[in-house]
Amino acid sequence: MPSWMPGEDYLINFRKGDPYIKVDEGYARLPGAGYEAIHPELEGLDPEDYPDIAKLRILGDVAPYSREFQKIAARVRIDAKNNPDLEAEYGRIAEQVRQTKESTLQVAQRHFNAPVDTVEGTVKSVRGMEVELKEFPGRTFRFSSVGGSMADLTVDITRSLPARRT
């Protein structure tokens, strides 16, 4: 993998092991023969020598949070000021990355910040991950997250132990 791809300081280390299996359809999304087949303008070029816009396109797709993406984006942004075609391509890549990051944040917000319904009741039955409560007959519940402290667990365990006779 070329030096401009993220290494051990990123979520995915593209420089160790087989990088092509680390992302879906890596053969077509990472530098090399597969990517060059889709982008014939790069055919025969050493991935180390890809133009900055091609590097940016790849990094924007597979490593948009990387320092490498930020460095190359800064270079392309400067080069694009006097080149309308490059500016348009840079804008398209930047917008794609913005949308990717925005959608990732929205998922996280929904997951962690959405209102949560709390249901309490007496367990009637348990089948795998589904729980039926006596208070809600015919309705099954799945745990989205389970909370509690060690003190809560200790109290529950102690209550269920038989009393000791001395």
C-alpha atoms as a PDB file:
ATOM      1  CA  MET A   1       0.000   0.000   0.000  1.00  0.00           C
ATOM      2  CA  PRO A   2       1.336   3.461  -0.817  1.00  0.00           C
ATOM      3  CA  SER A   3       2.644   5.772   1.894  1.00  0.00           C
ATOM      4  CA  TRP A   4      -0.334   8.141   1.540  1.00  0.00           C
ATOM      5  CA  MET A   5      -2.754   5.496   2.855  1.00  0.00           C
ATOM      6  CA  PRO A   6      -3.429   5.503   6.631  1.00  0.00           C
ATOM      7  CA  GLY A   7      -1.453   3.164   8.864  1.00  0.00           C
ATOM      8  CA  GLU A   8      -1.656   2.118  12.486  1.00  0.00           C
ATOM      9  CA  ASP A   9      -2.868   5.533  13.681  1.00  0.00           C
ATOM     10  CA  TYR A  10      -6.217   5.122  11.866  1.00  0.00           C
ATOM     11  CA  LEU A  11      -9.294   2.957  12.447  1.00  0.00           C
ATOM     12  CA  ILE A  12      -8.141   0.638   9.654  1.00  0.00           C
ATOM     13  CA  ASN A  13      -4.437  -0.008   9.169  1.00  0.00           C
ATOM     14  CA  PHE A  14      -4.130  -0.235   5.395  1.00  0.00           C
ATOM     15  CA  ARG A  15      -0.381  -0.856   5.560  1.00  0.00           C
ATOM     16  CA  LYS A  16      -0.450  -4.117   7.492  1.00  0.00           C
ATOM     17  CA  GLY A  17      -1.962  -7.387   6.328  1.00  0.00           C
ATOM     18  CA  ASP A  18      -4.233  -7.590   3.295  1.00  0.00           C
ATOM     19  CA  PRO A  19      -5.922  -4.186   2.977  1.00  0.00           C
ATOM     20  CA  TYR A  20      -8.216  -5.376   0.178  1.00  0.00           C
ATOM     21  CA  ILE A  21     -10.275  -7.497   2.592  1.00  0.00           C
ATOM     22  CA  LYS A  22     -10.532  -4.756   5.221  1.00  0.00           C
ATOM     23  CA  VAL A  23     -13.166  -2.775   3.284  1.00  0.00           C
ATOM     24  CA  ASP A  24     -16.093  -3.978   1.188  1.00  0.00           C
ATOM     25  CA  GLU A  25     -15.072  -4.307  -2.449  1.00  0.00           C
ATOM     26  CA  GLY A  26     -11.533  -3.273  -1.550  1.00  0.00           C
ATOM     27  CA  TYR A  27     -10.207  -4.470  -4.907  1.00  0.00           C
ATOM     28  CA  ALA A  28     -12.160  -1.647  -6.588  1.00  0.00           C
ATOM     29  CA  ARG A  29     -11.890   1.016  -3.887  1.00  0.00           C
ATOM     30  CA  LEU A  30      -8.211   0.837  -2.924  1.00  0.00           C
ATOM     31  CA  PRO A  31      -5.155   1.717  -5.043  1.00  0.00           C
ATOM     32  CA  GLY A  32      -4.030  -0.946  -7.456  1.00  0.00           C
ATOM     33  CA  ALA A  33      -5.075  -2.895 -10.552  1.00  0.00           C
ATOM     34  CA  GLY A  34      -8.790  -3.099  -9.670  1.00  0.00           C
ATOM     35  CA  TYR A  35      -9.069   0.632  -9.072  1.00  0.00           C
ATOM     36  CA  GLU A  36      -7.112   1.327 -12.265  1.00  0.00           C
ATOM     37  CA  ALA A  37      -9.509  -0.877 -14.249  1.00  0.00           C
ATOM     38  CA  ILE A  38     -12.357   1.438 -13.210  1.00  0.00           C
ATOM     39  CA  HIS A  39     -10.213   4.573 -13.646  1.00  0.00           C
ATOM     40  CA  PRO A  40      -8.230   3.967 -16.864  1.00  0.00           C
ATOM     41  CA  GLU A  41      -6.506   7.367 -16.586  1.00  0.00           C
ATOM     42  CA  LEU A  42      -4.421   5.800 -13.769  1.00  0.00           C
ATOM     43  CA  GLU A  43      -3.531   2.604 -15.618  1.00  0.00           C
ATOM     44  CA  GLY A  44       0.158   1.760 -15.356  1.00  0.00           C
ATOM     45  CA  LEU A  45       0.869   4.394 -12.704  1.00  0.00           C
ATOM     46  CA  ASP A  46       2.515   3.360  -9.474  1.00  0.00           C
ATOM     47  CA  PRO A  47      -0.115   4.077  -6.748  1.00  0.00           C
ATOM     48  CA  GLU A  48       2.531   6.177  -4.991  1.00  0.00           C
ATOM     49  CA  ASP A  49       2.422   8.498  -8.027  1.00  0.00           C
ATOM     50  CA  TYR A  50      -1.367   8.865  -8.375  1.00  0.00           C
ATOM     51  CA  PRO A  51      -2.449  12.495  -8.817  1.00  0.00           C
ATOM     52  CA  ASP A  52      -3.617  14.131  -5.589  1.00  0.00           C
ATOM     53  CA  ILE A  53      -7.243  14.211  -6.775  1.00  0.00           C
ATOM     54  CA  ALA A  54      -7.207  10.404  -7.221  1.00  0.00           C
ATOM     55  CA  LYS A  55      -5.663   9.991  -3.760  1.00  0.00           C
ATOM     56  CA  LEU A  56      -8.357  12.278  -2.353  1.00  0.00           C
ATOM     57  CA  ARG A  57     -11.119  10.306  -4.079  1.00  0.00           C
ATOM     58  CA  ILE A  58      -9.832   7.044  -2.560  1.00  0.00           C
ATOM     59  CA  LEU A  59      -9.239   8.470   0.921  1.00  0.00           C
ATOM     60  CA  GLY A  60     -12.608  10.247   0.903  1.00  0.00           C
ATOM     61  CA  ASP A  61     -14.228   6.883   0.228  1.00  0.00           C
ATOM     62  CA  VAL A  62     -12.337   4.591   2.626  1.00  0.00           C
ATOM     63  CA  ALA A  63     -10.667   6.891   5.179  1.00  0.00           C
ATOM     64  CA  PRO A  64     -12.504  10.237   5.402  1.00  0.00           C
ATOM     65  CA  TYR A  65     -11.500  10.784   9.059  1.00  0.00           C
ATOM     66  CA  SER A  66      -7.775  10.236   8.456  1.00  0.00           C
ATOM     67  CA  ARG A  67      -4.987  12.780   8.700  1.00  0.00           C
ATOM     68  CA  GLU A  68      -3.895  11.662   5.248  1.00  0.00           C
ATOM     69  CA  PHE A  69      -7.268  12.725   3.841  1.00  0.00           C
ATOM     70  CA  GLN A  70      -6.966  16.134   5.534  1.00  0.00           C
ATOM     71  CA  LYS A  71      -3.425  16.716   4.189  1.00  0.00           C
ATOM     72  CA  ILE A  72      -4.291  15.833   0.605  1.00  0.00           C
ATOM     73  CA  ALA A  73      -7.594  17.755   0.776  1.00  0.00           C
ATOM     74  CA  ALA A  74      -5.649  20.877   1.775  1.00  0.00           C
ATOM     75  CA  ARG A  75      -3.272  20.468  -1.197  1.00  0.00           C
ATOM     76  CA  VAL A  76      -6.104  19.863  -3.674  1.00  0.00           C
ATOM     77  CA  ARG A  77      -8.093  22.806  -2.295  1.00  0.00           C
ATOM     78  CA  ILE A  78      -5.144  25.113  -3.039  1.00  0.00           C
ATOM     79  CA  ASP A  79      -4.535  23.615  -6.511  1.00  0.00           C
ATOM     80  CA  ALA A  80      -8.251  23.869  -7.372  1.00  0.00           C
ATOM     81  CA  LYS A  81      -8.432  27.661  -6.971  1.00  0.00           C
ATOM     82  CA  ASN A  82      -7.277  28.281 -10.559  1.00  0.00           C
ATOM     83  CA  ASN A  83      -8.675  25.116 -12.132  1.00  0.00           C
ATOM     84  CA  PRO A  84     -12.490  24.926 -12.531  1.00  0.00           C
ATOM     85  CA  ASP A  85     -12.493  21.206 -13.415  1.00  0.00           C
ATOM     86  CA  LEU A  86     -10.381  20.313 -10.396  1.00  0.00           C
ATOM     87  CA  GLU A  87     -12.490  22.614  -8.228  1.00  0.00           C
ATOM     88  CA  ALA A  88     -15.680  20.836  -9.351  1.00  0.00           C
ATOM     89  CA  GLU A  89     -14.205  17.388  -8.640  1.00  0.00           C
ATOM     90  CA  TYR A  90     -12.899  18.555  -5.260  1.00  0.00           C
ATOM     91  CA  GLY A  91     -16.352  19.946  -4.415  1.00  0.00           C
ATOM     92  CA  ARG A  92     -18.028  16.665  -5.349  1.00  0.00           C
ATOM     93  CA  ILE A  93     -15.632  14.653  -3.160  1.00  0.00           C
ATOM     94  CA  ALA A  94     -15.944  17.117  -0.269  1.00  0.00           C
ATOM     95  CA  GLU A  95     -19.749  16.935  -0.458  1.00  0.00           C
ATOM     96  CA  GLN A  96     -19.702  13.125  -0.505  1.00  0.00           C
ATOM     97  CA  VAL A  97     -17.453  13.078   2.566  1.00  0.00           C
ATOM     98  CA  ARG A  98     -19.660  15.657   4.321  1.00  0.00           C
ATOM     99  CA  GLN A  99     -22.755  13.524   3.685  1.00  0.00           C
ATOM    100  CA  THR A 100     -20.997  10.390   4.896  1.00  0.00           C
ATOM    101  CA  LYS A 101     -19.883  12.065   8.098  1.00  0.00           C
ATOM    102  CA  GLU A 102     -23.308  13.654   8.654  1.00  0.00           C
ATOM    103  CA  SER A 103     -25.143  10.351   8.234  1.00  0.00           C
ATOM    104  CA  THR A 104     -22.728   8.659  10.635  1.00  0.00           C
ATOM    105  CA  LEU A 105     -23.346  11.351  13.252  1.00  0.00           C
ATOM    106  CA  GLN A 106     -27.122  11.152  12.833  1.00  0.00           C
ATOM    107  CA  VAL A 107     -27.078   7.406  13.462  1.00  0.00           C
ATOM    108  CA  ALA A 108     -25.039   7.960  16.605  1.00  0.00           C
ATOM    109  CA  GLN A 109     -27.406  10.699  17.785  1.00  0.00           C
ATOM    110  CA  ARG A 110     -30.466   8.531  17.245  1.00  0.00           C
ATOM    111  CA  HIS A 111     -28.835   5.630  18.997  1.00  0.00           C
ATOM    112  CA  PHE A 112     -27.579   7.469  22.050  1.00  0.00           C
ATOM    113  CA  ASN A 113     -29.745  10.559  22.383  1.00  0.00           C
ATOM    114  CA  ALA A 114     -33.241   9.416  21.463  1.00  0.00           C
ATOM    115  CA  PRO A 115     -35.884   9.173  24.183  1.00  0.00           C
ATOM    116  CA  VAL A 116     -36.074   5.737  25.746  1.00  0.00           C
ATOM    117  CA  ASP A 117     -39.169   3.938  27.006  1.00  0.00           C
ATOM    118  CA  THR A 118     -38.670   2.049  30.247  1.00  0.00           C
ATOM    119  CA  VAL A 119     -40.905  -0.930  30.850  1.00  0.00           C
ATOM    120  CA  GLU A 120     -41.117  -2.806  34.127  1.00  0.00           C
ATOM    121  CA  GLY A 121     -42.939  -5.980  34.904  1.00  0.00           C
ATOM    122  CA  THR A 122     -42.843  -9.570  36.043  1.00  0.00           C
ATOM    123  CA  VAL A 123     -41.169 -12.006  33.678  1.00  0.00           C
ATOM    124  CA  LYS A 124     -43.645 -14.552  32.364  1.00  0.00           C
ATOM    125  CA  SER A 125     -41.340 -16.299  29.877  1.00  0.00           C
ATOM    126  CA  VAL A 126     -37.998 -15.970  28.114  1.00  0.00           C
ATOM    127  CA  ARG A 127     -37.267 -17.339  24.652  1.00  0.00           C
ATOM    128  CA  GLY A 128     -33.749 -16.576  23.442  1.00  0.00           C
ATOM    129  CA  MET A 129     -33.464 -12.794  23.522  1.00  0.00           C
ATOM    130  CA  GLU A 130     -37.233 -12.222  23.811  1.00  0.00           C
ATOM    131  CA  VAL A 131     -38.925 -11.614  27.140  1.00  0.00           C
ATOM    132  CA  GLU A 132     -42.670 -11.685  27.790  1.00  0.00           C
ATOM    133  CA  LEU A 133     -44.000  -9.820  30.822  1.00  0.00           C
ATOM    134  CA  LYS A 134     -47.155 -10.794  32.740  1.00  0.00           C
ATOM    135  CA  GLU A 135     -48.333  -7.198  32.572  1.00  0.00           C
ATOM    136  CA  PHE A 136     -48.132  -7.179  28.745  1.00  0.00           C
ATOM    137  CA  PRO A 137     -49.570 -10.537  27.595  1.00  0.00           C
ATOM    138  CA  GLY A 138     -48.741 -11.541  24.031  1.00  0.00           C
ATOM    139  CA  ARG A 139     -46.125  -8.814  23.621  1.00  0.00           C
ATOM    140  CA  THR A 140     -42.440  -9.677  23.603  1.00  0.00           C
ATOM    141  CA  PHE A 141     -39.559  -7.337  24.397  1.00  0.00           C
ATOM    142  CA  ARG A 142     -35.926  -7.341  23.328  1.00  0.00           C
ATOM    143  CA  PHE A 143     -33.201  -5.610  25.286  1.00  0.00           C
ATOM    144  CA  SER A 144     -31.679  -2.691  23.414  1.00  0.00           C
ATOM    145  CA  SER A 145     -29.311  -2.059  26.287  1.00  0.00           C
ATOM    146  CA  VAL A 146     -29.147  -3.242  29.821  1.00  0.00           C
ATOM    147  CA  GLY A 147     -28.056  -0.973  32.623  1.00  0.00           C
ATOM    148  CA  GLY A 148     -27.413  -1.437  36.277  1.00  0.00           C
ATOM    149  CA  SER A 149     -24.728  -1.133  38.862  1.00  0.00           C
ATOM    150  CA  MET A 150     -22.761  -3.837  40.625  1.00  0.00           C
ATOM    151  CA  ALA A 151     -24.631  -2.868  43.801  1.00  0.00           C
ATOM    152  CA  ASP A 152     -27.968  -3.642  42.072  1.00  0.00           C
ATOM    153  CA  LEU A 153     -26.678  -7.037  40.985  1.00  0.00           C
ATOM    154  CA  THR A 154     -25.350  -7.821  44.460  1.00  0.00           C
ATOM    155  CA  VAL A 155     -28.682  -6.940  46.063  1.00  0.00           C
ATOM    156  CA  ASP A 156     -30.554  -9.146  43.586  1.00  0.00           C
ATOM    157  CA  ILE A 157     -28.179 -12.058  44.110  1.00  0.00           C
ATOM    158  CA  THR A 158     -28.291 -11.758  47.903  1.00  0.00           C
ATOM    159  CA  ARG A 159     -32.060 -11.692  47.918  1.00  0.00           C
ATOM    160  CA  SER A 160     -32.212 -14.904  45.927  1.00  0.00           C
ATOM    161  CA  LEU A 161     -29.800 -16.825  48.157  1.00  0.00           C
ATOM    162  CA  PRO A 162     -31.346 -18.988  50.905  1.00  0.00           C
ATOM    163  CA  ALA A 163     -30.843 -17.760  54.441  1.00  0.00           C
ATOM    164  CA  ARG A 164     -27.925 -19.364  56.277  1.00  0.00           C
ATOM    165  CA  ARG A 165     -28.510 -21.215  59.474  1.00  0.00           C
ATOM    166  CA  THR A 166     -25.809 -20.986  62.068  1.00  0.00           C
END
